[in-house]
Amino acid sequence: AGGLDTLVSVMKTHPQNAVIQETSCWAISNLAVVKKLKPIIGESGAVQHIVDAMWELEQSSGMQEWGCRALWSLSVDSQNKVLIGQCFGIDAIVNAMTIHVENKGVQEKACGALSNLAANNEQNKIAIVEAEGIDAVKRAMEGHPSVEGVQEKGCLAMRKLTTESTLPFMSCLDIKPILEHARRTFPKKCADRAGYVIDKLDALYE
């Protein structure tokens, strides 16, 4: 806990230092791999500092990549999902995707974070749609058609975002072609998830 408290304190003290913020997010993302530490990190105040740093240093691709990675790791925990949503972390993730659209590392980790945040949390699904997160995932997949990680995490995000309420919106965005590309190009990683969403979209018109 002492090391975590130090990290949070350093982030709080140096909000505009990209190196410190990026390194802290990297460290937190590694700590958050340990299941029992996820809620402890969530309770430490780290989430708000990560989100604040993502806004403060939005032009730093390294900060955005590791900020997204930290939120991705933390959002496996159900309480952290809620906390990240309350801290406007979803908006910060989508902002990172919009600014760093050509950075595959940012896009992959952001898609991973959105997929975790959407899983079993209807409020976050709505927030992701309202933040234009589905549009951002679509752009990520279109912009990195040959990057397996982006396609895999993009399909996972689309799968987790698919509900009765989001399907009409997804249909309007015409996401089916990118899902078909992912399913065809990376069948082992993407076929099941892409196929699920495609089947749900097709069922809208039956």
N, C-alpha and C. Protein backbone atom coordinates (compact mmCIF):
# COMPACT_ATOMS: atom_id res chain seq x y z
N ALA A 1 0.82 -1.21 0.00
CA ALA A 1 0.00 0.00 0.00
C ALA A 1 0.86 1.26 0.00
N GLY A 2 2.03 1.15 0.68
CA GLY A 2 2.91 2.31 0.72
C GLY A 2 3.38 2.75 -0.64
N GLY A 3 3.72 1.77 -1.47
CA GLY A 3 4.16 2.09 -2.84
C GLY A 3 3.06 2.70 -3.65
N LEU A 4 1.84 2.20 -3.47
CA LEU A 4 0.69 2.75 -4.19
C LEU A 4 0.41 4.18 -3.73
N ASP A 5 0.46 4.40 -2.43
CA ASP A 5 0.23 5.76 -1.90
C ASP A 5 1.26 6.74 -2.46
N THR A 6 2.49 6.27 -2.61
CA THR A 6 3.55 7.11 -3.17
C THR A 6 3.25 7.46 -4.61
N LEU A 7 2.81 6.46 -5.39
CA LEU A 7 2.46 6.70 -6.79
C LEU A 7 1.36 7.74 -6.92
N VAL A 8 0.32 7.57 -6.12
CA VAL A 8 -0.82 8.49 -6.18
C VAL A 8 -0.38 9.90 -5.77
N SER A 9 0.46 9.98 -4.75
CA SER A 9 0.96 11.28 -4.29
C SER A 9 1.79 11.97 -5.36
N VAL A 10 2.64 11.20 -6.04
CA VAL A 10 3.48 11.75 -7.11
C VAL A 10 2.62 12.26 -8.27
N MET A 11 1.59 11.49 -8.62
CA MET A 11 0.69 11.91 -9.70
C MET A 11 -0.02 13.21 -9.33
N LYS A 12 -0.41 13.31 -8.08
CA LYS A 12 -1.12 14.50 -7.61
C LYS A 12 -0.21 15.73 -7.60
N THR A 13 1.06 15.51 -7.27
CA THR A 13 2.01 16.61 -7.12
C THR A 13 2.55 17.13 -8.45
N HIS A 14 2.58 16.26 -9.46
CA HIS A 14 3.18 16.63 -10.75
C HIS A 14 2.20 16.39 -11.91
N PRO A 15 1.07 17.11 -11.91
CA PRO A 15 0.01 16.82 -12.89
C PRO A 15 0.39 17.08 -14.34
N GLN A 16 1.37 17.94 -14.59
CA GLN A 16 1.72 18.30 -15.97
C GLN A 16 3.01 17.64 -16.45
N ASN A 17 3.58 16.75 -15.64
CA ASN A 17 4.82 16.07 -16.02
C ASN A 17 4.47 14.76 -16.72
N ALA A 18 4.62 14.75 -18.05
CA ALA A 18 4.19 13.60 -18.86
C ALA A 18 4.96 12.34 -18.49
N VAL A 19 6.26 12.47 -18.23
CA VAL A 19 7.07 11.30 -17.91
C VAL A 19 6.60 10.67 -16.60
N ILE A 20 6.40 11.49 -15.59
CA ILE A 20 5.94 10.99 -14.29
C ILE A 20 4.56 10.35 -14.41
N GLN A 21 3.65 11.02 -15.11
CA GLN A 21 2.28 10.50 -15.22
C GLN A 21 2.25 9.20 -16.02
N GLU A 22 3.00 9.16 -17.12
CA GLU A 22 3.03 7.94 -17.94
C GLU A 22 3.63 6.77 -17.16
N THR A 23 4.74 7.04 -16.48
CA THR A 23 5.41 5.98 -15.70
C THR A 23 4.51 5.50 -14.57
N SER A 24 3.80 6.40 -13.94
CA SER A 24 2.88 6.03 -12.86
C SER A 24 1.74 5.17 -13.39
N CYS A 25 1.21 5.53 -14.55
CA CYS A 25 0.13 4.73 -15.15
C CYS A 25 0.64 3.35 -15.54
N TRP A 26 1.86 3.31 -16.04
CA TRP A 26 2.48 2.02 -16.38
C TRP A 26 2.58 1.15 -15.13
N ALA A 27 3.05 1.74 -14.03
CA ALA A 27 3.21 1.01 -12.78
C ALA A 27 1.85 0.53 -12.25
N ILE A 28 0.85 1.41 -12.30
CA ILE A 28 -0.48 1.04 -11.82
C ILE A 28 -1.08 -0.07 -12.67
N SER A 29 -0.88 0.00 -13.98
CA SER A 29 -1.43 -1.04 -14.85
C SER A 29 -0.80 -2.39 -14.54
N ASN A 30 0.48 -2.40 -14.16
CA ASN A 30 1.14 -3.66 -13.78
C ASN A 30 0.64 -4.16 -12.42
N LEU A 31 0.46 -3.26 -11.46
CA LEU A 31 -0.06 -3.65 -10.16
C LEU A 31 -1.49 -4.21 -10.29
N ALA A 32 -2.25 -3.62 -11.20
CA ALA A 32 -3.67 -3.98 -11.35
C ALA A 32 -3.87 -5.35 -11.99
N VAL A 33 -2.80 -5.95 -12.47
CA VAL A 33 -2.91 -7.32 -12.98
C VAL A 33 -3.26 -8.28 -11.84
N VAL A 34 -2.83 -7.94 -10.62
CA VAL A 34 -3.12 -8.76 -9.44
C VAL A 34 -4.56 -8.50 -9.00
N LYS A 35 -5.38 -9.53 -9.03
CA LYS A 35 -6.82 -9.38 -8.79
C LYS A 35 -7.14 -8.67 -7.49
N LYS A 36 -6.47 -9.07 -6.40
CA LYS A 36 -6.82 -8.50 -5.09
C LYS A 36 -6.41 -7.03 -4.95
N LEU A 37 -5.51 -6.58 -5.84
CA LEU A 37 -5.09 -5.18 -5.78
C LEU A 37 -6.02 -4.24 -6.53
N LYS A 38 -6.82 -4.77 -7.45
CA LYS A 38 -7.70 -3.92 -8.26
C LYS A 38 -8.61 -3.03 -7.40
N PRO A 39 -9.35 -3.60 -6.44
CA PRO A 39 -10.21 -2.73 -5.62
C PRO A 39 -9.42 -1.79 -4.72
N ILE A 40 -8.25 -2.23 -4.26
CA ILE A 40 -7.42 -1.38 -3.40
C ILE A 40 -6.95 -0.15 -4.19
N ILE A 41 -6.55 -0.39 -5.43
CA ILE A 41 -6.13 0.74 -6.29
C ILE A 41 -7.31 1.67 -6.54
N GLY A 42 -8.47 1.08 -6.78
CA GLY A 42 -9.67 1.89 -7.01
C GLY A 42 -9.98 2.79 -5.83
N GLU A 43 -9.78 2.27 -4.62
CA GLU A 43 -10.09 3.04 -3.41
C GLU A 43 -9.01 4.07 -3.06
N SER A 44 -7.88 4.00 -3.74
CA SER A 44 -6.74 4.86 -3.39
C SER A 44 -6.83 6.27 -3.97
N GLY A 45 -7.77 6.48 -4.89
CA GLY A 45 -7.85 7.77 -5.58
C GLY A 45 -7.10 7.78 -6.90
N ALA A 46 -6.48 6.64 -7.25
CA ALA A 46 -5.66 6.58 -8.47
C ALA A 46 -6.48 6.82 -9.74
N VAL A 47 -7.71 6.32 -9.76
CA VAL A 47 -8.52 6.43 -10.98
C VAL A 47 -8.71 7.89 -11.38
N GLN A 48 -9.07 8.72 -10.43
CA GLN A 48 -9.28 10.14 -10.75
C GLN A 48 -8.00 10.78 -11.26
N HIS A 49 -6.87 10.42 -10.68
CA HIS A 49 -5.60 11.00 -11.12
C HIS A 49 -5.22 10.52 -12.53
N ILE A 50 -5.53 9.27 -12.83
CA ILE A 50 -5.27 8.75 -14.19
C ILE A 50 -6.10 9.53 -15.20
N VAL A 51 -7.39 9.68 -14.89
CA VAL A 51 -8.29 10.38 -15.82
C VAL A 51 -7.88 11.85 -15.95
N ASP A 52 -7.55 12.48 -14.84
CA ASP A 52 -7.10 13.88 -14.89
C ASP A 52 -5.85 14.02 -15.77
N ALA A 53 -4.92 13.08 -15.61
CA ALA A 53 -3.68 13.14 -16.40
C ALA A 53 -3.96 12.94 -17.89
N MET A 54 -4.94 12.10 -18.21
CA MET A 54 -5.29 11.88 -19.62
C MET A 54 -5.84 13.16 -20.25
N TRP A 55 -6.59 13.93 -19.47
CA TRP A 55 -7.08 15.21 -19.99
C TRP A 55 -5.97 16.26 -20.04
N GLU A 56 -5.19 16.31 -18.99
CA GLU A 56 -4.13 17.32 -18.89
C GLU A 56 -3.06 17.13 -19.95
N LEU A 57 -2.77 15.89 -20.28
CA LEU A 57 -1.67 15.56 -21.20
C LEU A 57 -2.20 14.82 -22.43
N GLU A 58 -3.27 15.38 -22.99
CA GLU A 58 -3.97 14.67 -24.06
C GLU A 58 -3.14 14.50 -25.33
N GLN A 59 -2.11 15.33 -25.52
CA GLN A 59 -1.29 15.22 -26.72
C GLN A 59 -0.16 14.18 -26.57
N SER A 60 0.05 13.68 -25.38
CA SER A 60 1.11 12.70 -25.14
C SER A 60 0.59 11.30 -25.44
N SER A 61 1.09 10.70 -26.52
CA SER A 61 0.60 9.37 -26.90
C SER A 61 0.98 8.32 -25.85
N GLY A 62 2.16 8.47 -25.24
CA GLY A 62 2.57 7.51 -24.21
C GLY A 62 1.67 7.58 -23.00
N MET A 63 1.33 8.78 -22.58
CA MET A 63 0.42 8.96 -21.45
C MET A 63 -0.94 8.35 -21.76
N GLN A 64 -1.43 8.59 -22.95
CA GLN A 64 -2.75 8.07 -23.33
C GLN A 64 -2.74 6.54 -23.40
N GLU A 65 -1.67 5.99 -23.95
CA GLU A 65 -1.60 4.53 -24.07
C GLU A 65 -1.60 3.87 -22.70
N TRP A 66 -0.77 4.39 -21.78
CA TRP A 66 -0.68 3.74 -20.47
C TRP A 66 -1.81 4.14 -19.55
N GLY A 67 -2.40 5.31 -19.80
CA GLY A 67 -3.62 5.65 -19.07
C GLY A 67 -4.75 4.69 -19.43
N CYS A 68 -4.89 4.43 -20.72
CA CYS A 68 -5.91 3.47 -21.17
C CYS A 68 -5.62 2.07 -20.66
N ARG A 69 -4.33 1.71 -20.64
CA ARG A 69 -3.96 0.37 -20.16
C ARG A 69 -4.28 0.22 -18.68
N ALA A 70 -4.02 1.26 -17.90
CA ALA A 70 -4.34 1.21 -16.47
C ALA A 70 -5.85 1.07 -16.25
N LEU A 71 -6.63 1.86 -16.98
CA LEU A 71 -8.10 1.78 -16.85
C LEU A 71 -8.62 0.43 -17.33
N TRP A 72 -8.00 -0.11 -18.34
CA TRP A 72 -8.36 -1.44 -18.86
C TRP A 72 -8.16 -2.49 -17.77
N SER A 73 -6.99 -2.47 -17.13
CA SER A 73 -6.70 -3.44 -16.06
C SER A 73 -7.63 -3.27 -14.88
N LEU A 74 -7.86 -2.02 -14.49
CA LEU A 74 -8.67 -1.75 -13.30
C LEU A 74 -10.14 -2.08 -13.51
N SER A 75 -10.62 -1.94 -14.76
CA SER A 75 -12.05 -2.07 -15.02
C SER A 75 -12.54 -3.51 -15.05
N VAL A 76 -11.67 -4.47 -14.78
CA VAL A 76 -12.13 -5.84 -14.58
C VAL A 76 -12.97 -5.91 -13.30
N ASP A 77 -12.63 -5.08 -12.34
CA ASP A 77 -13.33 -5.02 -11.06
C ASP A 77 -14.64 -4.23 -11.22
N SER A 78 -15.74 -4.79 -10.69
CA SER A 78 -17.06 -4.17 -10.92
C SER A 78 -17.17 -2.79 -10.29
N GLN A 79 -16.60 -2.61 -9.11
CA GLN A 79 -16.66 -1.29 -8.47
C GLN A 79 -15.83 -0.26 -9.24
N ASN A 80 -14.71 -0.69 -9.75
CA ASN A 80 -13.88 0.22 -10.55
C ASN A 80 -14.57 0.62 -11.85
N LYS A 81 -15.36 -0.29 -12.42
CA LYS A 81 -16.16 0.07 -13.61
C LYS A 81 -17.02 1.28 -13.33
N VAL A 82 -17.71 1.22 -12.19
CA VAL A 82 -18.60 2.31 -11.80
C VAL A 82 -17.80 3.59 -11.55
N LEU A 83 -16.70 3.45 -10.84
CA LEU A 83 -15.86 4.60 -10.49
C LEU A 83 -15.30 5.28 -11.73
N ILE A 84 -14.82 4.50 -12.68
CA ILE A 84 -14.26 5.06 -13.92
C ILE A 84 -15.35 5.82 -14.68
N GLY A 85 -16.54 5.26 -14.71
CA GLY A 85 -17.66 5.95 -15.35
C GLY A 85 -17.97 7.27 -14.66
N GLN A 86 -17.98 7.27 -13.33
CA GLN A 86 -18.28 8.48 -12.55
C GLN A 86 -17.20 9.55 -12.71
N CYS A 87 -15.98 9.12 -12.93
CA CYS A 87 -14.84 10.06 -13.10
C CYS A 87 -14.70 10.57 -14.53
N PHE A 88 -15.67 10.24 -15.40
CA PHE A 88 -15.63 10.62 -16.81
C PHE A 88 -14.44 9.98 -17.53
N GLY A 89 -14.07 8.79 -17.05
CA GLY A 89 -12.99 8.06 -17.70
C GLY A 89 -13.34 7.61 -19.11
N ILE A 90 -14.61 7.33 -19.35
CA ILE A 90 -15.03 6.90 -20.69
C ILE A 90 -14.79 8.03 -21.70
N ASP A 91 -15.13 9.24 -21.32
CA ASP A 91 -14.90 10.38 -22.20
C ASP A 91 -13.41 10.58 -22.46
N ALA A 92 -12.59 10.35 -21.43
CA ALA A 92 -11.14 10.50 -21.58
C ALA A 92 -10.58 9.46 -22.54
N ILE A 93 -11.11 8.24 -22.46
CA ILE A 93 -10.65 7.17 -23.36
C ILE A 93 -11.02 7.49 -24.80
N VAL A 94 -12.25 7.92 -25.02
CA VAL A 94 -12.69 8.25 -26.38
C VAL A 94 -11.91 9.44 -26.92
N ASN A 95 -11.61 10.40 -26.05
CA ASN A 95 -10.80 11.55 -26.46
C ASN A 95 -9.40 11.10 -26.90
N ALA A 96 -8.82 10.17 -26.16
CA ALA A 96 -7.51 9.62 -26.53
C ALA A 96 -7.56 8.96 -27.91
N MET A 97 -8.62 8.21 -28.16
CA MET A 97 -8.78 7.52 -29.45
C MET A 97 -8.93 8.52 -30.59
N THR A 98 -9.61 9.63 -30.31
CA THR A 98 -9.85 10.64 -31.34
C THR A 98 -8.57 11.40 -31.70
N ILE A 99 -7.79 11.75 -30.68
CA ILE A 99 -6.57 12.53 -30.91
C ILE A 99 -5.45 11.66 -31.49
N HIS A 100 -5.37 10.41 -31.03
CA HIS A 100 -4.25 9.54 -31.43
C HIS A 100 -4.75 8.40 -32.31
N VAL A 101 -5.52 8.80 -33.32
CA VAL A 101 -6.20 7.82 -34.17
C VAL A 101 -5.22 6.93 -34.93
N GLU A 102 -4.01 7.42 -35.18
CA GLU A 102 -3.03 6.63 -35.95
C GLU A 102 -2.13 5.77 -35.05
N ASN A 103 -2.28 5.88 -33.75
CA ASN A 103 -1.42 5.14 -32.82
C ASN A 103 -2.10 3.82 -32.45
N LYS A 104 -1.55 2.73 -32.95
CA LYS A 104 -2.20 1.43 -32.74
C LYS A 104 -2.18 1.00 -31.27
N GLY A 105 -1.14 1.41 -30.53
CA GLY A 105 -1.08 1.06 -29.11
C GLY A 105 -2.20 1.71 -28.32
N VAL A 106 -2.44 2.99 -28.58
CA VAL A 106 -3.54 3.70 -27.92
C VAL A 106 -4.87 3.07 -28.30
N GLN A 107 -5.05 2.79 -29.59
CA GLN A 107 -6.32 2.25 -30.06
C GLN A 107 -6.62 0.88 -29.47
N GLU A 108 -5.62 0.01 -29.43
CA GLU A 108 -5.84 -1.34 -28.90
C GLU A 108 -6.20 -1.29 -27.42
N LYS A 109 -5.43 -0.53 -26.65
CA LYS A 109 -5.67 -0.47 -25.20
C LYS A 109 -6.98 0.25 -24.88
N ALA A 110 -7.33 1.25 -25.68
CA ALA A 110 -8.60 1.94 -25.48
C ALA A 110 -9.78 1.02 -25.77
N CYS A 111 -9.69 0.25 -26.85
CA CYS A 111 -10.76 -0.71 -27.15
C CYS A 111 -10.88 -1.75 -26.05
N GLY A 112 -9.75 -2.19 -25.51
CA GLY A 112 -9.78 -3.14 -24.40
C GLY A 112 -10.46 -2.54 -23.18
N ALA A 113 -10.14 -1.28 -22.89
CA ALA A 113 -10.75 -0.61 -21.74
C ALA A 113 -12.26 -0.46 -21.93
N LEU A 114 -12.68 -0.05 -23.12
CA LEU A 114 -14.12 0.13 -23.36
C LEU A 114 -14.87 -1.20 -23.27
N SER A 115 -14.24 -2.28 -23.73
CA SER A 115 -14.91 -3.58 -23.67
C SER A 115 -15.11 -4.01 -22.21
N ASN A 116 -14.12 -3.80 -21.36
CA ASN A 116 -14.27 -4.13 -19.94
C ASN A 116 -15.32 -3.24 -19.27
N LEU A 117 -15.29 -1.96 -19.60
CA LEU A 117 -16.23 -1.03 -18.97
C LEU A 117 -17.67 -1.34 -19.36
N ALA A 118 -17.87 -1.84 -20.59
CA ALA A 118 -19.22 -2.15 -21.06
C ALA A 118 -19.75 -3.47 -20.53
N ALA A 119 -18.85 -4.37 -20.16
CA ALA A 119 -19.26 -5.72 -19.76
C ALA A 119 -20.09 -5.68 -18.47
N ASN A 120 -21.32 -6.18 -18.56
CA ASN A 120 -22.21 -6.29 -17.39
C ASN A 120 -22.46 -4.95 -16.70
N ASN A 121 -22.47 -3.87 -17.48
CA ASN A 121 -22.75 -2.56 -16.89
C ASN A 121 -23.53 -1.72 -17.90
N GLU A 122 -24.84 -1.70 -17.74
CA GLU A 122 -25.69 -1.00 -18.70
C GLU A 122 -25.45 0.50 -18.71
N GLN A 123 -25.19 1.07 -17.53
CA GLN A 123 -24.95 2.51 -17.44
C GLN A 123 -23.72 2.90 -18.26
N ASN A 124 -22.67 2.09 -18.17
CA ASN A 124 -21.47 2.38 -18.96
C ASN A 124 -21.70 2.19 -20.45
N LYS A 125 -22.50 1.21 -20.81
CA LYS A 125 -22.83 1.03 -22.23
C LYS A 125 -23.46 2.31 -22.79
N ILE A 126 -24.42 2.85 -22.04
CA ILE A 126 -25.09 4.08 -22.46
C ILE A 126 -24.09 5.24 -22.55
N ALA A 127 -23.22 5.32 -21.54
CA ALA A 127 -22.22 6.40 -21.51
C ALA A 127 -21.26 6.29 -22.70
N ILE A 128 -20.89 5.07 -23.06
CA ILE A 128 -19.98 4.87 -24.20
C ILE A 128 -20.65 5.30 -25.50
N VAL A 129 -21.91 4.95 -25.66
CA VAL A 129 -22.65 5.38 -26.86
C VAL A 129 -22.74 6.90 -26.90
N GLU A 130 -23.08 7.51 -25.76
CA GLU A 130 -23.23 8.97 -25.71
C GLU A 130 -21.91 9.70 -25.94
N ALA A 131 -20.81 9.06 -25.57
CA ALA A 131 -19.48 9.66 -25.78
C ALA A 131 -18.93 9.38 -27.19
N GLU A 132 -19.76 8.75 -28.01
CA GLU A 132 -19.37 8.37 -29.38
C GLU A 132 -18.26 7.33 -29.37
N GLY A 133 -18.34 6.45 -28.38
CA GLY A 133 -17.34 5.39 -28.27
C GLY A 133 -17.44 4.33 -29.35
N ILE A 134 -18.66 4.03 -29.79
CA ILE A 134 -18.80 3.04 -30.86
C ILE A 134 -18.20 3.59 -32.15
N ASP A 135 -18.40 4.88 -32.39
CA ASP A 135 -17.78 5.53 -33.55
C ASP A 135 -16.25 5.41 -33.46
N ALA A 136 -15.72 5.61 -32.25
CA ALA A 136 -14.27 5.58 -32.06
C ALA A 136 -13.71 4.18 -32.31
N VAL A 137 -14.43 3.16 -31.85
CA VAL A 137 -13.99 1.78 -32.08
C VAL A 137 -14.02 1.47 -33.58
N LYS A 138 -15.07 1.94 -34.23
CA LYS A 138 -15.16 1.74 -35.68
C LYS A 138 -13.98 2.38 -36.40
N ARG A 139 -13.64 3.62 -36.02
CA ARG A 139 -12.49 4.31 -36.64
C ARG A 139 -11.19 3.57 -36.38
N ALA A 140 -11.06 3.04 -35.17
CA ALA A 140 -9.84 2.29 -34.82
C ALA A 140 -9.69 1.08 -35.73
N MET A 141 -10.78 0.36 -35.93
CA MET A 141 -10.73 -0.86 -36.76
C MET A 141 -10.52 -0.52 -38.23
N GLU A 142 -11.13 0.57 -38.67
CA GLU A 142 -10.94 1.01 -40.06
C GLU A 142 -9.51 1.50 -40.29
N GLY A 143 -8.95 2.17 -39.29
CA GLY A 143 -7.62 2.76 -39.44
C GLY A 143 -6.48 1.78 -39.29
N HIS A 144 -6.76 0.62 -38.69
CA HIS A 144 -5.70 -0.38 -38.45
C HIS A 144 -6.19 -1.76 -38.89
N PRO A 145 -6.51 -1.91 -40.17
CA PRO A 145 -7.14 -3.15 -40.64
C PRO A 145 -6.25 -4.39 -40.55
N SER A 146 -4.94 -4.20 -40.50
CA SER A 146 -4.03 -5.35 -40.49
C SER A 146 -3.40 -5.60 -39.11
N VAL A 147 -3.82 -4.83 -38.11
CA VAL A 147 -3.27 -4.97 -36.75
C VAL A 147 -4.20 -5.89 -35.95
N GLU A 148 -3.71 -7.09 -35.67
CA GLU A 148 -4.55 -8.10 -35.03
C GLU A 148 -5.09 -7.63 -33.68
N GLY A 149 -4.23 -6.98 -32.88
CA GLY A 149 -4.66 -6.54 -31.55
C GLY A 149 -5.80 -5.55 -31.60
N VAL A 150 -5.74 -4.61 -32.53
CA VAL A 150 -6.81 -3.61 -32.66
C VAL A 150 -8.10 -4.28 -33.14
N GLN A 151 -7.97 -5.18 -34.10
CA GLN A 151 -9.16 -5.87 -34.61
C GLN A 151 -9.79 -6.76 -33.53
N GLU A 152 -8.95 -7.47 -32.80
CA GLU A 152 -9.45 -8.36 -31.74
C GLU A 152 -10.16 -7.56 -30.65
N LYS A 153 -9.50 -6.51 -30.13
CA LYS A 153 -10.09 -5.73 -29.04
C LYS A 153 -11.28 -4.92 -29.54
N GLY A 154 -11.23 -4.49 -30.81
CA GLY A 154 -12.36 -3.79 -31.39
C GLY A 154 -13.59 -4.68 -31.47
N CYS A 155 -13.39 -5.91 -31.92
CA CYS A 155 -14.51 -6.86 -31.98
C CYS A 155 -15.04 -7.17 -30.58
N LEU A 156 -14.14 -7.29 -29.63
CA LEU A 156 -14.56 -7.55 -28.25
C LEU A 156 -15.39 -6.39 -27.72
N ALA A 157 -14.96 -5.16 -28.00
CA ALA A 157 -15.71 -3.99 -27.55
C ALA A 157 -17.09 -3.96 -28.20
N MET A 158 -17.15 -4.21 -29.49
CA MET A 158 -18.45 -4.24 -30.18
C MET A 158 -19.36 -5.32 -29.59
N ARG A 159 -18.78 -6.46 -29.29
CA ARG A 159 -19.56 -7.56 -28.70
C ARG A 159 -20.13 -7.16 -27.34
N LYS A 160 -19.30 -6.54 -26.50
CA LYS A 160 -19.74 -6.17 -25.16
C LYS A 160 -20.75 -5.02 -25.20
N LEU A 161 -20.70 -4.23 -26.27
CA LEU A 161 -21.61 -3.08 -26.39
C LEU A 161 -22.94 -3.45 -27.02
N THR A 162 -23.05 -4.66 -27.54
CA THR A 162 -24.25 -5.06 -28.25
C THR A 162 -25.39 -5.41 -27.29
N THR A 163 -26.43 -4.58 -27.32
CA THR A 163 -27.65 -4.85 -26.55
C THR A 163 -28.83 -4.42 -27.41
N GLU A 164 -30.00 -4.72 -26.93
CA GLU A 164 -31.22 -4.35 -27.65
C GLU A 164 -31.28 -2.84 -27.90
N SER A 165 -30.81 -2.07 -26.92
CA SER A 165 -30.91 -0.61 -27.03
C SER A 165 -29.82 -0.01 -27.93
N THR A 166 -28.67 -0.68 -28.04
CA THR A 166 -27.58 -0.11 -28.84
C THR A 166 -27.59 -0.59 -30.29
N LEU A 167 -28.25 -1.69 -30.56
CA LEU A 167 -28.21 -2.26 -31.92
C LEU A 167 -28.69 -1.30 -33.02
N PRO A 168 -29.81 -0.59 -32.81
CA PRO A 168 -30.24 0.33 -33.88
C PRO A 168 -29.18 1.39 -34.19
N PHE A 169 -28.52 1.88 -33.15
CA PHE A 169 -27.45 2.87 -33.33
C PHE A 169 -26.28 2.26 -34.08
N MET A 170 -25.91 1.04 -33.72
CA MET A 170 -24.80 0.35 -34.38
C MET A 170 -25.12 0.11 -35.86
N SER A 171 -26.38 -0.17 -36.12
CA SER A 171 -26.80 -0.39 -37.50
C SER A 171 -26.66 0.89 -38.32
N CYS A 172 -27.01 2.02 -37.73
CA CYS A 172 -26.89 3.31 -38.42
C CYS A 172 -25.44 3.65 -38.74
N LEU A 173 -24.52 3.17 -37.90
CA LEU A 173 -23.09 3.45 -38.12
C LEU A 173 -22.47 2.54 -39.18
N ASP A 174 -23.24 1.55 -39.64
CA ASP A 174 -22.76 0.65 -40.70
C ASP A 174 -21.44 -0.03 -40.30
N ILE A 175 -21.48 -0.71 -39.16
CA ILE A 175 -20.26 -1.37 -38.67
C ILE A 175 -20.06 -2.77 -39.24
N LYS A 176 -21.07 -3.27 -39.94
CA LYS A 176 -21.00 -4.66 -40.43
C LYS A 176 -19.78 -4.92 -41.33
N PRO A 177 -19.44 -4.03 -42.27
CA PRO A 177 -18.28 -4.31 -43.13
C PRO A 177 -16.96 -4.46 -42.36
N ILE A 178 -16.75 -3.68 -41.31
CA ILE A 178 -15.49 -3.81 -40.58
C ILE A 178 -15.47 -5.11 -39.78
N LEU A 179 -16.62 -5.52 -39.30
CA LEU A 179 -16.70 -6.78 -38.57
C LEU A 179 -16.46 -7.96 -39.51
N GLU A 180 -17.00 -7.86 -40.70
CA GLU A 180 -16.78 -8.93 -41.69
C GLU A 180 -15.30 -9.01 -42.08
N HIS A 181 -14.65 -7.85 -42.20
CA HIS A 181 -13.21 -7.83 -42.50
C HIS A 181 -12.43 -8.50 -41.37
N ALA A 182 -12.75 -8.15 -40.12
CA ALA A 182 -12.04 -8.72 -38.98
C ALA A 182 -12.25 -10.23 -38.90
N ARG A 183 -13.46 -10.66 -39.14
CA ARG A 183 -13.77 -12.09 -39.09
C ARG A 183 -13.02 -12.85 -40.17
N ARG A 184 -12.92 -12.24 -41.31
CA ARG A 184 -12.24 -12.88 -42.45
C ARG A 184 -10.72 -12.87 -42.29
N THR A 185 -10.18 -11.77 -41.77
CA THR A 185 -8.72 -11.59 -41.69
C THR A 185 -8.11 -12.29 -40.49
N PHE A 186 -8.82 -12.28 -39.37
CA PHE A 186 -8.30 -12.88 -38.13
C PHE A 186 -9.36 -13.83 -37.55
N PRO A 187 -9.63 -14.93 -38.24
CA PRO A 187 -10.74 -15.80 -37.82
C PRO A 187 -10.61 -16.36 -36.41
N LYS A 188 -9.39 -16.72 -35.99
CA LYS A 188 -9.23 -17.32 -34.66
C LYS A 188 -9.56 -16.33 -33.55
N LYS A 189 -9.18 -15.08 -33.74
CA LYS A 189 -9.36 -14.06 -32.70
C LYS A 189 -10.71 -13.36 -32.79
N CYS A 190 -11.25 -13.24 -34.00
CA CYS A 190 -12.39 -12.33 -34.20
C CYS A 190 -13.68 -12.99 -34.66
N ALA A 191 -13.61 -14.22 -35.17
CA ALA A 191 -14.79 -14.80 -35.84
C ALA A 191 -16.01 -14.88 -34.92
N ASP A 192 -15.83 -15.39 -33.71
CA ASP A 192 -16.98 -15.59 -32.82
C ASP A 192 -17.62 -14.26 -32.42
N ARG A 193 -16.79 -13.30 -32.00
CA ARG A 193 -17.32 -12.02 -31.51
C ARG A 193 -17.94 -11.22 -32.65
N ALA A 194 -17.22 -11.15 -33.78
CA ALA A 194 -17.76 -10.41 -34.93
C ALA A 194 -19.04 -11.07 -35.43
N GLY A 195 -19.02 -12.40 -35.48
CA GLY A 195 -20.19 -13.14 -35.95
C GLY A 195 -21.41 -12.90 -35.09
N TYR A 196 -21.21 -12.82 -33.79
CA TYR A 196 -22.32 -12.57 -32.86
C TYR A 196 -22.98 -11.24 -33.17
N VAL A 197 -22.17 -10.19 -33.34
CA VAL A 197 -22.72 -8.86 -33.59
C VAL A 197 -23.40 -8.82 -34.96
N ILE A 198 -22.77 -9.42 -35.96
CA ILE A 198 -23.35 -9.45 -37.31
C ILE A 198 -24.71 -10.15 -37.28
N ASP A 199 -24.79 -11.27 -36.58
CA ASP A 199 -26.07 -12.00 -36.49
C ASP A 199 -27.15 -11.13 -35.83
N LYS A 200 -26.77 -10.40 -34.79
CA LYS A 200 -27.73 -9.53 -34.10
C LYS A 200 -28.19 -8.38 -35.00
N LEU A 201 -27.25 -7.84 -35.79
CA LEU A 201 -27.60 -6.78 -36.72
C LEU A 201 -28.54 -7.30 -37.81
N ASP A 202 -28.23 -8.48 -38.33
CA ASP A 202 -29.09 -9.07 -39.37
C ASP A 202 -30.49 -9.34 -38.85
N ALA A 203 -30.58 -9.73 -37.58
CA ALA A 203 -31.88 -10.06 -36.99
C ALA A 203 -32.78 -8.84 -36.86
N LEU A 204 -32.20 -7.65 -36.88
CA LEU A 204 -33.00 -6.42 -36.79
C LEU A 204 -33.97 -6.29 -37.96
N TYR A 205 -33.59 -6.87 -39.08
CA TYR A 205 -34.36 -6.66 -40.31
C TYR A 205 -35.15 -7.90 -40.72
N GLU A 206 -35.20 -8.86 -39.84
CA GLU A 206 -35.98 -10.08 -40.16
C GLU A 206 -37.45 -9.90 -39.83
